[in-house]
């Protein structure tokens, strides 16, 4: 006898949303290493069968949660970029807003305090967060700012520096303080962009 199918409501997007939200709540409390499928099911008010209907296992759920959080993060940063027409302002305010979003995220803070090593792959190799960050930074600059090759290299540099400062915080500067992240971007990002602009202008035409 075949098992009966789960009710349609159990398979719907609202149930999946509750499960993902419950996983985030667990990450806020315990970090990522101790995320329990049973506890997530309890918090999401679903049975184990429903939980496994949406996610095949713990690793699959954590991956989906991270992907979902990344999607929300980049959408939020894009909203800030869209508020500025000048590429310089887009870079400065987008960088600062992204920093505050991550530093203000309870789940990120807990993971950084409890088991930061699980986030290190984000700055090693061509990870998805790094790729998405690079693409977002490239989109913040227009074609008139830098040639395509220089724009890609600059975006890669900014994305890697961003990840490093988030995952390996410094005591020398409080990036969460008002205006500090903006000043940091003006002092350490814009001069590099301007140098690349000058180099591109002096390069002989091909």
C-alpha atoms as a PDB file:
ATOM      1  CA  UNK A   1       0.000   0.000   0.000  1.00  0.00           C
ATOM      2  CA  UNK A   2       1.423   3.357  -1.025  1.00  0.00           C
ATOM      3  CA  UNK A   3       1.747   6.010   1.692  1.00  0.00           C
ATOM      4  CA  UNK A   4      -0.791   8.774   1.430  1.00  0.00           C
ATOM      5  CA  UNK A   5       0.437  12.083   0.079  1.00  0.00           C
ATOM      6  CA  UNK A   6       0.968  14.921   2.512  1.00  0.00           C
ATOM      7  CA  UNK A   7      -1.778  17.546   2.578  1.00  0.00           C
ATOM      8  CA  UNK A   8      -1.259  20.276   0.011  1.00  0.00           C
ATOM      9  CA  UNK A   9      -0.913  22.857   2.787  1.00  0.00           C
ATOM     10  CA  UNK A  10       2.103  20.946   4.140  1.00  0.00           C
ATOM     11  CA  UNK A  11       3.774  21.133   0.743  1.00  0.00           C
ATOM     12  CA  UNK A  12       3.018  24.824   0.209  1.00  0.00           C
ATOM     13  CA  UNK A  13       5.357  27.823   0.304  1.00  0.00           C
ATOM     14  CA  UNK A  14       3.998  29.035   3.663  1.00  0.00           C
ATOM     15  CA  UNK A  15       5.147  25.826   5.343  1.00  0.00           C
ATOM     16  CA  UNK A  16       8.559  26.071   3.708  1.00  0.00           C
ATOM     17  CA  UNK A  17       8.810  29.682   4.886  1.00  0.00           C
ATOM     18  CA  UNK A  18       8.025  28.680   8.470  1.00  0.00           C
ATOM     19  CA  UNK A  19      10.690  25.977   8.356  1.00  0.00           C
ATOM     20  CA  UNK A  20      13.325  28.373   7.010  1.00  0.00           C
ATOM     21  CA  UNK A  21      12.402  30.978   9.623  1.00  0.00           C
ATOM     22  CA  UNK A  22      12.678  28.341  12.348  1.00  0.00           C
ATOM     23  CA  UNK A  23      16.128  27.376  11.057  1.00  0.00           C
ATOM     24  CA  UNK A  24      17.218  31.018  11.254  1.00  0.00           C
ATOM     25  CA  UNK A  25      15.925  31.201  14.836  1.00  0.00           C
ATOM     26  CA  UNK A  26      18.004  28.143  15.717  1.00  0.00           C
ATOM     27  CA  UNK A  27      21.080  29.657  14.065  1.00  0.00           C
ATOM     28  CA  UNK A  28      20.554  32.813  16.128  1.00  0.00           C
ATOM     29  CA  UNK A  29      20.693  30.721  19.310  1.00  0.00           C
ATOM     30  CA  UNK A  30      23.166  27.929  18.629  1.00  0.00           C
ATOM     31  CA  UNK A  31      25.086  28.790  15.466  1.00  0.00           C
ATOM     32  CA  UNK A  32      25.061  26.306  12.594  1.00  0.00           C
ATOM     33  CA  UNK A  33      26.730  23.243  14.079  1.00  0.00           C
ATOM     34  CA  UNK A  34      23.932  22.421  16.537  1.00  0.00           C
ATOM     35  CA  UNK A  35      20.941  23.006  14.283  1.00  0.00           C
ATOM     36  CA  UNK A  36      18.573  20.114  15.076  1.00  0.00           C
ATOM     37  CA  UNK A  37      15.946  18.878  12.622  1.00  0.00           C
ATOM     38  CA  UNK A  38      13.674  17.861  15.503  1.00  0.00           C
ATOM     39  CA  UNK A  39      13.919  21.288  17.121  1.00  0.00           C
ATOM     40  CA  UNK A  40      13.301  23.030  13.809  1.00  0.00           C
ATOM     41  CA  UNK A  41      10.206  20.892  13.231  1.00  0.00           C
ATOM     42  CA  UNK A  42       8.956  21.831  16.695  1.00  0.00           C
ATOM     43  CA  UNK A  43       9.587  25.542  16.182  1.00  0.00           C
ATOM     44  CA  UNK A  44       7.986  25.490  12.734  1.00  0.00           C
ATOM     45  CA  UNK A  45       5.005  23.515  14.090  1.00  0.00           C
ATOM     46  CA  UNK A  46       5.332  20.755  11.513  1.00  0.00           C
ATOM     47  CA  UNK A  47       5.835  17.016  11.731  1.00  0.00           C
ATOM     48  CA  UNK A  48       9.051  15.276  10.746  1.00  0.00           C
ATOM     49  CA  UNK A  49       7.386  13.905   7.608  1.00  0.00           C
ATOM     50  CA  UNK A  50       6.482  17.431   6.515  1.00  0.00           C
ATOM     51  CA  UNK A  51       9.966  18.692   7.324  1.00  0.00           C
ATOM     52  CA  UNK A  52      11.569  15.988   5.181  1.00  0.00           C
ATOM     53  CA  UNK A  53       9.012  16.620   2.449  1.00  0.00           C
ATOM     54  CA  UNK A  54      10.647  20.020   1.976  1.00  0.00           C
ATOM     55  CA  UNK A  55      14.252  19.221   2.892  1.00  0.00           C
ATOM     56  CA  UNK A  56      16.038  15.912   2.484  1.00  0.00           C
ATOM     57  CA  UNK A  57      18.262  16.440   5.509  1.00  0.00           C
ATOM     58  CA  UNK A  58      20.038  18.861   7.798  1.00  0.00           C
ATOM     59  CA  UNK A  59      22.705  19.895   5.288  1.00  0.00           C
ATOM     60  CA  UNK A  60      20.070  20.505   2.624  1.00  0.00           C
ATOM     61  CA  UNK A  61      18.058  22.658   5.025  1.00  0.00           C
ATOM     62  CA  UNK A  62      21.066  24.699   6.125  1.00  0.00           C
ATOM     63  CA  UNK A  63      22.084  25.274   2.503  1.00  0.00           C
ATOM     64  CA  UNK A  64      18.548  26.415   1.665  1.00  0.00           C
ATOM     65  CA  UNK A  65      18.493  28.710   4.697  1.00  0.00           C
ATOM     66  CA  UNK A  66      21.803  30.325   3.719  1.00  0.00           C
ATOM     67  CA  UNK A  67      20.646  30.746   0.114  1.00  0.00           C
ATOM     68  CA  UNK A  68      17.389  32.312   1.313  1.00  0.00           C
ATOM     69  CA  UNK A  69      19.198  34.697   3.657  1.00  0.00           C
ATOM     70  CA  UNK A  70      21.644  35.657   0.916  1.00  0.00           C
ATOM     71  CA  UNK A  71      18.745  36.413  -1.409  1.00  0.00           C
ATOM     72  CA  UNK A  72      17.170  38.718   1.165  1.00  0.00           C
ATOM     73  CA  UNK A  73      20.522  40.346   1.910  1.00  0.00           C
ATOM     74  CA  UNK A  74      21.363  41.148  -1.710  1.00  0.00           C
ATOM     75  CA  UNK A  75      17.820  42.373  -2.418  1.00  0.00           C
ATOM     76  CA  UNK A  76      18.077  44.748   0.542  1.00  0.00           C
ATOM     77  CA  UNK A  77      21.456  46.078  -0.614  1.00  0.00           C
ATOM     78  CA  UNK A  78      20.113  46.488  -4.151  1.00  0.00           C
ATOM     79  CA  UNK A  79      17.284  48.641  -2.757  1.00  0.00           C
ATOM     80  CA  UNK A  80      19.907  50.997  -1.309  1.00  0.00           C
ATOM     81  CA  UNK A  81      21.883  51.067  -4.558  1.00  0.00           C
ATOM     82  CA  UNK A  82      18.719  51.999  -6.427  1.00  0.00           C
ATOM     83  CA  UNK A  83      18.333  55.103  -4.244  1.00  0.00           C
ATOM     84  CA  UNK A  84      21.542  56.639  -5.630  1.00  0.00           C
ATOM     85  CA  UNK A  85      22.273  57.737  -9.185  1.00  0.00           C
ATOM     86  CA  UNK A  86      25.951  58.567  -8.687  1.00  0.00           C
ATOM     87  CA  UNK A  87      28.157  55.467  -8.852  1.00  0.00           C
ATOM     88  CA  UNK A  88      30.429  56.842  -6.124  1.00  0.00           C
ATOM     89  CA  UNK A  89      27.476  57.176  -3.748  1.00  0.00           C
ATOM     90  CA  UNK A  90      26.210  53.751  -4.767  1.00  0.00           C
ATOM     91  CA  UNK A  91      29.542  52.166  -3.891  1.00  0.00           C
ATOM     92  CA  UNK A  92      29.948  54.007  -0.574  1.00  0.00           C
ATOM     93  CA  UNK A  93      26.402  53.601   0.718  1.00  0.00           C
ATOM     94  CA  UNK A  94      25.924  50.112  -0.682  1.00  0.00           C
ATOM     95  CA  UNK A  95      29.135  48.927   1.001  1.00  0.00           C
ATOM     96  CA  UNK A  96      28.190  50.544   4.319  1.00  0.00           C
ATOM     97  CA  UNK A  97      24.622  49.240   4.279  1.00  0.00           C
ATOM     98  CA  UNK A  98      25.798  45.717   3.481  1.00  0.00           C
ATOM     99  CA  UNK A  99      28.208  45.837   6.399  1.00  0.00           C
ATOM    100  CA  UNK A 100      25.536  46.969   8.840  1.00  0.00           C
ATOM    101  CA  UNK A 101      23.098  44.368   7.585  1.00  0.00           C
ATOM    102  CA  UNK A 102      25.509  41.539   8.329  1.00  0.00           C
ATOM    103  CA  UNK A 103      26.789  42.975  11.597  1.00  0.00           C
ATOM    104  CA  UNK A 104      23.182  43.464  12.719  1.00  0.00           C
ATOM    105  CA  UNK A 105      22.128  39.938  11.768  1.00  0.00           C
ATOM    106  CA  UNK A 106      21.732  37.886  14.969  1.00  0.00           C
ATOM    107  CA  UNK A 107      22.390  34.586  13.231  1.00  0.00           C
ATOM    108  CA  UNK A 108      25.629  35.889  11.703  1.00  0.00           C
ATOM    109  CA  UNK A 109      26.760  37.309  15.059  1.00  0.00           C
ATOM    110  CA  UNK A 110      26.080  34.001  16.816  1.00  0.00           C
ATOM    111  CA  UNK A 111      27.901  31.962  14.190  1.00  0.00           C
ATOM    112  CA  UNK A 112      30.882  34.343  14.321  1.00  0.00           C
ATOM    113  CA  UNK A 113      30.980  33.953  18.111  1.00  0.00           C
ATOM    114  CA  UNK A 114      30.337  30.198  18.320  1.00  0.00           C
ATOM    115  CA  UNK A 115      31.728  28.530  15.205  1.00  0.00           C
ATOM    116  CA  UNK A 116      33.094  31.086  12.713  1.00  0.00           C
ATOM    117  CA  UNK A 117      35.047  28.407  10.862  1.00  0.00           C
ATOM    118  CA  UNK A 118      31.867  27.275   9.094  1.00  0.00           C
ATOM    119  CA  UNK A 119      31.781  30.639   7.302  1.00  0.00           C
ATOM    120  CA  UNK A 120      35.413  30.639   6.187  1.00  0.00           C
ATOM    121  CA  UNK A 121      34.597  28.945   2.859  1.00  0.00           C
ATOM    122  CA  UNK A 122      32.922  32.255   1.955  1.00  0.00           C
ATOM    123  CA  UNK A 123      36.380  33.806   1.505  1.00  0.00           C
ATOM    124  CA  UNK A 124      38.174  30.750   0.151  1.00  0.00           C
ATOM    125  CA  UNK A 125      37.882  30.101  -3.564  1.00  0.00           C
ATOM    126  CA  UNK A 126      35.000  31.176  -5.780  1.00  0.00           C
ATOM    127  CA  UNK A 127      32.168  30.737  -3.300  1.00  0.00           C
ATOM    128  CA  UNK A 128      28.581  31.686  -4.087  1.00  0.00           C
ATOM    129  CA  UNK A 129      28.534  34.632  -1.630  1.00  0.00           C
ATOM    130  CA  UNK A 130      31.747  35.949  -3.152  1.00  0.00           C
ATOM    131  CA  UNK A 131      30.421  35.596  -6.690  1.00  0.00           C
ATOM    132  CA  UNK A 132      27.124  37.297  -5.845  1.00  0.00           C
ATOM    133  CA  UNK A 133      28.940  40.076  -4.012  1.00  0.00           C
ATOM    134  CA  UNK A 134      31.242  40.636  -6.964  1.00  0.00           C
ATOM    135  CA  UNK A 135      28.298  40.831  -9.360  1.00  0.00           C
ATOM    136  CA  UNK A 136      26.472  43.258  -7.074  1.00  0.00           C
ATOM    137  CA  UNK A 137      29.510  45.540  -6.847  1.00  0.00           C
ATOM    138  CA  UNK A 138      29.940  45.445 -10.613  1.00  0.00           C
ATOM    139  CA  UNK A 139      26.297  46.438 -11.004  1.00  0.00           C
ATOM    140  CA  UNK A 140      26.874  49.406  -8.679  1.00  0.00           C
ATOM    141  CA  UNK A 141      29.326  50.860 -11.202  1.00  0.00           C
ATOM    142  CA  UNK A 142      28.463  51.935 -14.689  1.00  0.00           C
ATOM    143  CA  UNK A 143      30.415  51.126 -17.816  1.00  0.00           C
ATOM    144  CA  UNK A 144      31.707  54.694 -17.782  1.00  0.00           C
ATOM    145  CA  UNK A 145      33.469  54.135 -14.444  1.00  0.00           C
ATOM    146  CA  UNK A 146      35.905  51.397 -15.360  1.00  0.00           C
ATOM    147  CA  UNK A 147      36.632  49.153 -18.337  1.00  0.00           C
ATOM    148  CA  UNK A 148      35.079  45.709 -17.969  1.00  0.00           C
ATOM    149  CA  UNK A 149      38.325  43.962 -16.977  1.00  0.00           C
ATOM    150  CA  UNK A 150      39.266  46.538 -14.341  1.00  0.00           C
ATOM    151  CA  UNK A 151      35.690  46.645 -13.080  1.00  0.00           C
ATOM    152  CA  UNK A 152      35.697  42.882 -12.493  1.00  0.00           C
ATOM    153  CA  UNK A 153      39.043  42.998 -10.666  1.00  0.00           C
ATOM    154  CA  UNK A 154      37.928  45.927  -8.518  1.00  0.00           C
ATOM    155  CA  UNK A 155      34.652  44.187  -7.659  1.00  0.00           C
ATOM    156  CA  UNK A 156      36.575  41.038  -6.715  1.00  0.00           C
ATOM    157  CA  UNK A 157      38.882  43.078  -4.467  1.00  0.00           C
ATOM    158  CA  UNK A 158      35.993  44.833  -2.713  1.00  0.00           C
ATOM    159  CA  UNK A 159      34.026  41.615  -2.230  1.00  0.00           C
ATOM    160  CA  UNK A 160      37.005  39.764  -0.733  1.00  0.00           C
ATOM    161  CA  UNK A 161      37.870  42.666   1.554  1.00  0.00           C
ATOM    162  CA  UNK A 162      34.241  42.885   2.677  1.00  0.00           C
ATOM    163  CA  UNK A 163      34.118  39.170   3.511  1.00  0.00           C
ATOM    164  CA  UNK A 164      37.428  39.364   5.375  1.00  0.00           C
ATOM    165  CA  UNK A 165      36.387  42.276   7.588  1.00  0.00           C
ATOM    166  CA  UNK A 166      33.078  40.579   8.419  1.00  0.00           C
ATOM    167  CA  UNK A 167      34.513  37.136   9.158  1.00  0.00           C
ATOM    168  CA  UNK A 168      37.732  38.343  10.815  1.00  0.00           C
ATOM    169  CA  UNK A 169      36.706  41.542  12.652  1.00  0.00           C
ATOM    170  CA  UNK A 170      39.306  44.148  13.552  1.00  0.00           C
ATOM    171  CA  UNK A 171      39.552  46.073  16.814  1.00  0.00           C
ATOM    172  CA  UNK A 172      41.079  49.069  15.041  1.00  0.00           C
ATOM    173  CA  UNK A 173      37.846  50.375  13.558  1.00  0.00           C
ATOM    174  CA  UNK A 174      34.222  50.019  14.634  1.00  0.00           C
ATOM    175  CA  UNK A 175      32.495  49.428  11.326  1.00  0.00           C
ATOM    176  CA  UNK A 176      29.088  49.363  13.044  1.00  0.00           C
ATOM    177  CA  UNK A 177      29.421  52.943  14.316  1.00  0.00           C
ATOM    178  CA  UNK A 178      27.481  55.639  12.419  1.00  0.00           C
ATOM    179  CA  UNK A 179      29.342  56.909   9.373  1.00  0.00           C
ATOM    180  CA  UNK A 180      32.414  54.718   9.906  1.00  0.00           C
ATOM    181  CA  UNK A 181      31.731  52.233   7.108  1.00  0.00           C
ATOM    182  CA  UNK A 182      31.029  55.120   4.726  1.00  0.00           C
ATOM    183  CA  UNK A 183      34.313  56.808   5.673  1.00  0.00           C
ATOM    184  CA  UNK A 184      36.128  53.487   5.264  1.00  0.00           C
ATOM    185  CA  UNK A 185      34.745  53.114   1.747  1.00  0.00           C
ATOM    186  CA  UNK A 186      35.767  56.667   0.854  1.00  0.00           C
ATOM    187  CA  UNK A 187      39.302  56.191   2.211  1.00  0.00           C
ATOM    188  CA  UNK A 188      40.077  52.678   1.011  1.00  0.00           C
ATOM    189  CA  UNK A 189      37.758  51.864  -1.896  1.00  0.00           C
ATOM    190  CA  UNK A 190      37.287  55.046  -3.894  1.00  0.00           C
ATOM    191  CA  UNK A 191      41.047  55.809  -4.172  1.00  0.00           C
ATOM    192  CA  UNK A 192      41.632  52.368  -5.701  1.00  0.00           C
ATOM    193  CA  UNK A 193      38.790  52.930  -8.141  1.00  0.00           C
ATOM    194  CA  UNK A 194      40.183  56.370  -9.013  1.00  0.00           C
ATOM    195  CA  UNK A 195      43.652  54.895  -9.569  1.00  0.00           C
ATOM    196  CA  UNK A 196      42.205  52.295 -11.935  1.00  0.00           C
ATOM    197  CA  UNK A 197      40.276  55.045 -13.725  1.00  0.00           C
ATOM    198  CA  UNK A 198      43.457  57.079 -14.223  1.00  0.00           C
ATOM    199  CA  UNK A 199      45.364  54.024 -15.439  1.00  0.00           C
ATOM    200  CA  UNK A 200      42.612  53.211 -17.922  1.00  0.00           C
ATOM    201  CA  UNK A 201      42.628  56.779 -19.233  1.00  0.00           C
ATOM    202  CA  UNK A 202      46.400  56.682 -19.781  1.00  0.00           C
ATOM    203  CA  UNK A 203      46.433  53.253 -21.416  1.00  0.00           C
ATOM    204  CA  UNK A 204      46.973  53.344 -25.197  1.00  0.00           C
ATOM    205  CA  UNK A 205      43.928  52.548 -27.258  1.00  0.00           C
ATOM    206  CA  UNK A 206      43.841  49.008 -28.626  1.00  0.00           C
END
